[in-house]
C-alpha atoms as a PDB file:
ATOM      1  CA  UNK A   1       0.000   0.000   0.000  1.00  0.00           C
ATOM      2  CA  UNK A   2       1.236   3.446  -0.864  1.00  0.00           C
ATOM      3  CA  UNK A   3       0.326   6.403   1.276  1.00  0.00           C
ATOM      4  CA  UNK A   4       0.457  10.120   0.618  1.00  0.00           C
ATOM      5  CA  UNK A   5       4.155  10.169   1.557  1.00  0.00           C
ATOM      6  CA  UNK A   6       4.936   8.049  -1.509  1.00  0.00           C
ATOM      7  CA  UNK A   7       3.851  10.846  -3.859  1.00  0.00           C
ATOM      8  CA  UNK A   8       6.858  12.928  -2.825  1.00  0.00           C
ATOM      9  CA  UNK A   9       9.173  10.109  -3.973  1.00  0.00           C
ATOM     10  CA  UNK A  10       7.863   9.937  -7.547  1.00  0.00           C
ATOM     11  CA  UNK A  11      10.046  12.752  -8.972  1.00  0.00           C
ATOM     12  CA  UNK A  12      13.098  10.665  -8.038  1.00  0.00           C
ATOM     13  CA  UNK A  13      11.820   7.825 -10.201  1.00  0.00           C
ATOM     14  CA  UNK A  14      10.232   9.807 -13.019  1.00  0.00           C
ATOM     15  CA  UNK A  15      13.401  10.246 -15.055  1.00  0.00           C
ATOM     16  CA  UNK A  16      14.492   6.633 -14.815  1.00  0.00           C
ATOM     17  CA  UNK A  17      17.705   6.937 -12.849  1.00  0.00           C
ATOM     18  CA  UNK A  18      16.633   5.195  -9.625  1.00  0.00           C
ATOM     19  CA  UNK A  19      14.928   1.972 -10.691  1.00  0.00           C
ATOM     20  CA  UNK A  20      16.759  -0.849 -12.384  1.00  0.00           C
ATOM     21  CA  UNK A  21      14.845  -3.212 -14.627  1.00  0.00           C
ATOM     22  CA  UNK A  22      14.314  -6.547 -12.861  1.00  0.00           C
ATOM     23  CA  UNK A  23      15.957  -9.688 -14.224  1.00  0.00           C
ATOM     24  CA  UNK A  24      12.519 -11.119 -14.971  1.00  0.00           C
ATOM     25  CA  UNK A  25      12.134  -8.471 -17.706  1.00  0.00           C
ATOM     26  CA  UNK A  26      15.479  -9.193 -19.390  1.00  0.00           C
ATOM     27  CA  UNK A  27      15.102  -8.885 -23.143  1.00  0.00           C
ATOM     28  CA  UNK A  28      11.939  -6.783 -22.870  1.00  0.00           C
ATOM     29  CA  UNK A  29      11.642  -3.004 -23.131  1.00  0.00           C
ATOM     30  CA  UNK A  30      15.080  -2.722 -24.725  1.00  0.00           C
ATOM     31  CA  UNK A  31      14.324   0.175 -27.084  1.00  0.00           C
ATOM     32  CA  UNK A  32      15.464   3.717 -26.422  1.00  0.00           C
ATOM     33  CA  UNK A  33      13.218   5.095 -23.685  1.00  0.00           C
ATOM     34  CA  UNK A  34      11.111   1.942 -23.320  1.00  0.00           C
ATOM     35  CA  UNK A  35      11.956   1.241 -19.674  1.00  0.00           C
ATOM     36  CA  UNK A  36      11.581   4.934 -18.812  1.00  0.00           C
ATOM     37  CA  UNK A  37       8.148   4.910 -20.444  1.00  0.00           C
ATOM     38  CA  UNK A  38       7.094   1.882 -18.371  1.00  0.00           C
ATOM     39  CA  UNK A  39       8.204   3.607 -15.166  1.00  0.00           C
ATOM     40  CA  UNK A  40       6.381   6.816 -16.030  1.00  0.00           C
ATOM     41  CA  UNK A  41       3.181   4.957 -16.938  1.00  0.00           C
ATOM     42  CA  UNK A  42       3.275   3.185 -13.585  1.00  0.00           C
ATOM     43  CA  UNK A  43       3.696   6.500 -11.737  1.00  0.00           C
ATOM     44  CA  UNK A  44       0.820   8.116 -13.627  1.00  0.00           C
ATOM     45  CA  UNK A  45      -1.398   5.110 -12.940  1.00  0.00           C
ATOM     46  CA  UNK A  46      -0.640   5.214  -9.217  1.00  0.00           C
ATOM     47  CA  UNK A  47      -1.367   8.950  -9.060  1.00  0.00           C
ATOM     48  CA  UNK A  48      -4.575   8.523 -11.053  1.00  0.00           C
ATOM     49  CA  UNK A  49      -5.819   5.721  -8.844  1.00  0.00           C
ATOM     50  CA  UNK A  50      -4.888   7.535  -5.640  1.00  0.00           C
ATOM     51  CA  UNK A  51      -6.812  10.621  -6.773  1.00  0.00           C
ATOM     52  CA  UNK A  52      -9.758   8.451  -7.786  1.00  0.00           C
ATOM     53  CA  UNK A  53      -9.840   6.863  -4.346  1.00  0.00           C
ATOM     54  CA  UNK A  54      -9.875  10.284  -2.671  1.00  0.00           C
ATOM     55  CA  UNK A  55     -13.051  11.196  -4.522  1.00  0.00           C
ATOM     56  CA  UNK A  56     -14.749   7.962  -3.455  1.00  0.00           C
ATOM     57  CA  UNK A  57     -13.701   8.144   0.203  1.00  0.00           C
END
């Protein structure tokens, strides 16, 4: 579970310098910017879902 404090960490990960691709994804997302794109999509999805949950609560 991610809380509000996790949102402040996202800028560290947004430009792809903090997270290494796991071994289980070896051979995938090898194109220029592919892994960065995956990371950014995940961040946007988390933010979107966290905002959606605030409206429902």
